Amino acid sequence: MMIEQKPAALRTQRGMTQAQLAERLGVSQPHIAKLEAGRAKNIELHTLCRWATALGAKLTVDVAPNSARKRKRPAA
């Protein structure tokens, strides 16, 4: 799942239009459309935090080990 899909779905669940969200964030509606379509490059953590706050949500970040990949030790 792309990171943009969750806030877009939450906005829809909240019954909020892109224009209403844009107003809360102080940006244009086309900017919200670009974010939600995944056309924005290098979305900053600060932007995601503002987006979540405007939607009445929280932002969580998780870094977890990839258990499927194990490093091989070099042969002695």
C-alpha atoms as a PDB file:
ATOM      1  CA  MET A   1       0.000   0.000   0.000  1.00  0.00           C
ATOM      2  CA  MET A   2       1.316   3.413  -0.923  1.00  0.00           C
ATOM      3  CA  ILE A   3       1.576   5.898   1.935  1.00  0.00           C
ATOM      4  CA  GLU A   4      -0.845   8.283   0.197  1.00  0.00           C
ATOM      5  CA  GLN A   5      -3.686   5.769   0.143  1.00  0.00           C
ATOM      6  CA  LYS A   6      -4.394   5.754   3.881  1.00  0.00           C
ATOM      7  CA  PRO A   7      -4.865   9.531   4.295  1.00  0.00           C
ATOM      8  CA  ALA A   8      -6.950   9.645   1.107  1.00  0.00           C
ATOM      9  CA  ALA A   9      -9.186   6.853   2.397  1.00  0.00           C
ATOM     10  CA  LEU A  10      -9.450   8.525   5.804  1.00  0.00           C
ATOM     11  CA  ARG A  11     -10.424  11.824   4.176  1.00  0.00           C
ATOM     12  CA  THR A  12     -13.196  10.019   2.313  1.00  0.00           C
ATOM     13  CA  GLN A  13     -14.351   8.228   5.477  1.00  0.00           C
ATOM     14  CA  ARG A  14     -14.524  11.571   7.265  1.00  0.00           C
ATOM     15  CA  GLY A  15     -16.753  12.919   4.476  1.00  0.00           C
ATOM     16  CA  MET A  16     -14.235  15.637   3.680  1.00  0.00           C
ATOM     17  CA  THR A  17     -13.538  16.961   0.196  1.00  0.00           C
ATOM     18  CA  GLN A  18     -10.080  17.636  -1.137  1.00  0.00           C
ATOM     19  CA  ALA A  19     -10.925  21.335  -1.093  1.00  0.00           C
ATOM     20  CA  GLN A  20     -11.864  21.199   2.604  1.00  0.00           C
ATOM     21  CA  LEU A  21      -8.648  19.387   3.478  1.00  0.00           C
ATOM     22  CA  ALA A  22      -6.642  21.831   1.393  1.00  0.00           C
ATOM     23  CA  GLU A  23      -8.188  24.738   3.287  1.00  0.00           C
ATOM     24  CA  ARG A  24      -7.258  23.150   6.635  1.00  0.00           C
ATOM     25  CA  LEU A  25      -3.691  22.648   5.455  1.00  0.00           C
ATOM     26  CA  GLY A  26      -3.361  26.024   3.771  1.00  0.00           C
ATOM     27  CA  VAL A  27      -2.582  24.525   0.370  1.00  0.00           C
ATOM     28  CA  SER A  28      -4.430  24.275  -2.930  1.00  0.00           C
ATOM     29  CA  GLN A  29      -6.878  21.513  -3.859  1.00  0.00           C
ATOM     30  CA  PRO A  30      -4.682  20.466  -6.799  1.00  0.00           C
ATOM     31  CA  HIS A  31      -1.829  19.963  -4.308  1.00  0.00           C
ATOM     32  CA  ILE A  32      -4.018  17.535  -2.313  1.00  0.00           C
ATOM     33  CA  ALA A  33      -4.988  15.758  -5.537  1.00  0.00           C
ATOM     34  CA  LYS A  34      -1.310  15.381  -6.437  1.00  0.00           C
ATOM     35  CA  LEU A  35      -0.487  13.972  -2.978  1.00  0.00           C
ATOM     36  CA  GLU A  36      -3.373  11.510  -3.051  1.00  0.00           C
ATOM     37  CA  ALA A  37      -2.554  10.358  -6.579  1.00  0.00           C
ATOM     38  CA  GLY A  38       0.990   9.514  -5.556  1.00  0.00           C
ATOM     39  CA  ARG A  39       2.456  12.054  -7.942  1.00  0.00           C
ATOM     40  CA  ALA A  40       4.254  14.008  -5.206  1.00  0.00           C
ATOM     41  CA  LYS A  41       7.923  13.106  -4.871  1.00  0.00           C
ATOM     42  CA  ASN A  42       9.745  12.830  -1.546  1.00  0.00           C
ATOM     43  CA  ILE A  43       6.865  13.600   0.818  1.00  0.00           C
ATOM     44  CA  GLU A  44       8.390  14.910   4.034  1.00  0.00           C
ATOM     45  CA  LEU A  45       7.531  13.519   7.441  1.00  0.00           C
ATOM     46  CA  HIS A  46       6.384  17.005   8.460  1.00  0.00           C
ATOM     47  CA  THR A  47       3.873  16.992   5.586  1.00  0.00           C
ATOM     48  CA  LEU A  48       2.516  13.597   6.628  1.00  0.00           C
ATOM     49  CA  CYS A  49       2.189  14.821  10.218  1.00  0.00           C
ATOM     50  CA  ARG A  50       0.251  17.933   9.147  1.00  0.00           C
ATOM     51  CA  TRP A  51      -1.938  15.779   6.879  1.00  0.00           C
ATOM     52  CA  ALA A  52      -2.748  13.364   9.712  1.00  0.00           C
ATOM     53  CA  THR A  53      -3.466  16.191  12.167  1.00  0.00           C
ATOM     54  CA  ALA A  54      -5.818  17.899   9.686  1.00  0.00           C
ATOM     55  CA  LEU A  55      -7.707  14.604   9.406  1.00  0.00           C
ATOM     56  CA  GLY A  56      -7.925  14.157  13.180  1.00  0.00           C
ATOM     57  CA  ALA A  57      -5.592  11.168  13.009  1.00  0.00           C
ATOM     58  CA  LYS A  58      -2.187  10.238  14.339  1.00  0.00           C
ATOM     59  CA  LEU A  59       0.942   9.449  12.408  1.00  0.00           C
ATOM     60  CA  THR A  60       2.948   6.392  13.355  1.00  0.00           C
ATOM     61  CA  VAL A  61       6.296   5.415  11.914  1.00  0.00           C
ATOM     62  CA  ASP A  62       7.717   1.953  12.307  1.00  0.00           C
ATOM     63  CA  VAL A  63      11.023   0.449  11.347  1.00  0.00           C
ATOM     64  CA  ALA A  64      11.023  -3.310  11.678  1.00  0.00           C
ATOM     65  CA  PRO A  65      13.561  -5.941  10.759  1.00  0.00           C
ATOM     66  CA  ASN A  66      12.999  -7.891   7.615  1.00  0.00           C
ATOM     67  CA  SER A  67      12.865 -11.409   9.009  1.00  0.00           C
ATOM     68  CA  ALA A  68      12.820 -12.971   5.548  1.00  0.00           C
ATOM     69  CA  ARG A  69      16.376 -11.822   4.809  1.00  0.00           C
ATOM     70  CA  LYS A  70      19.227 -13.093   6.904  1.00  0.00           C
ATOM     71  CA  ARG A  71      22.790 -12.057   6.360  1.00  0.00           C
ATOM     72  CA  LYS A  72      25.193 -14.817   5.638  1.00  0.00           C
ATOM     73  CA  ARG A  73      28.413 -14.869   7.580  1.00  0.00           C
ATOM     74  CA  PRO A  74      31.557 -14.865   5.495  1.00  0.00           C
ATOM     75  CA  ALA A  75      33.386 -18.188   5.320  1.00  0.00           C
ATOM     76  CA  ALA A  76      36.434 -18.413   7.545  1.00  0.00           C
END
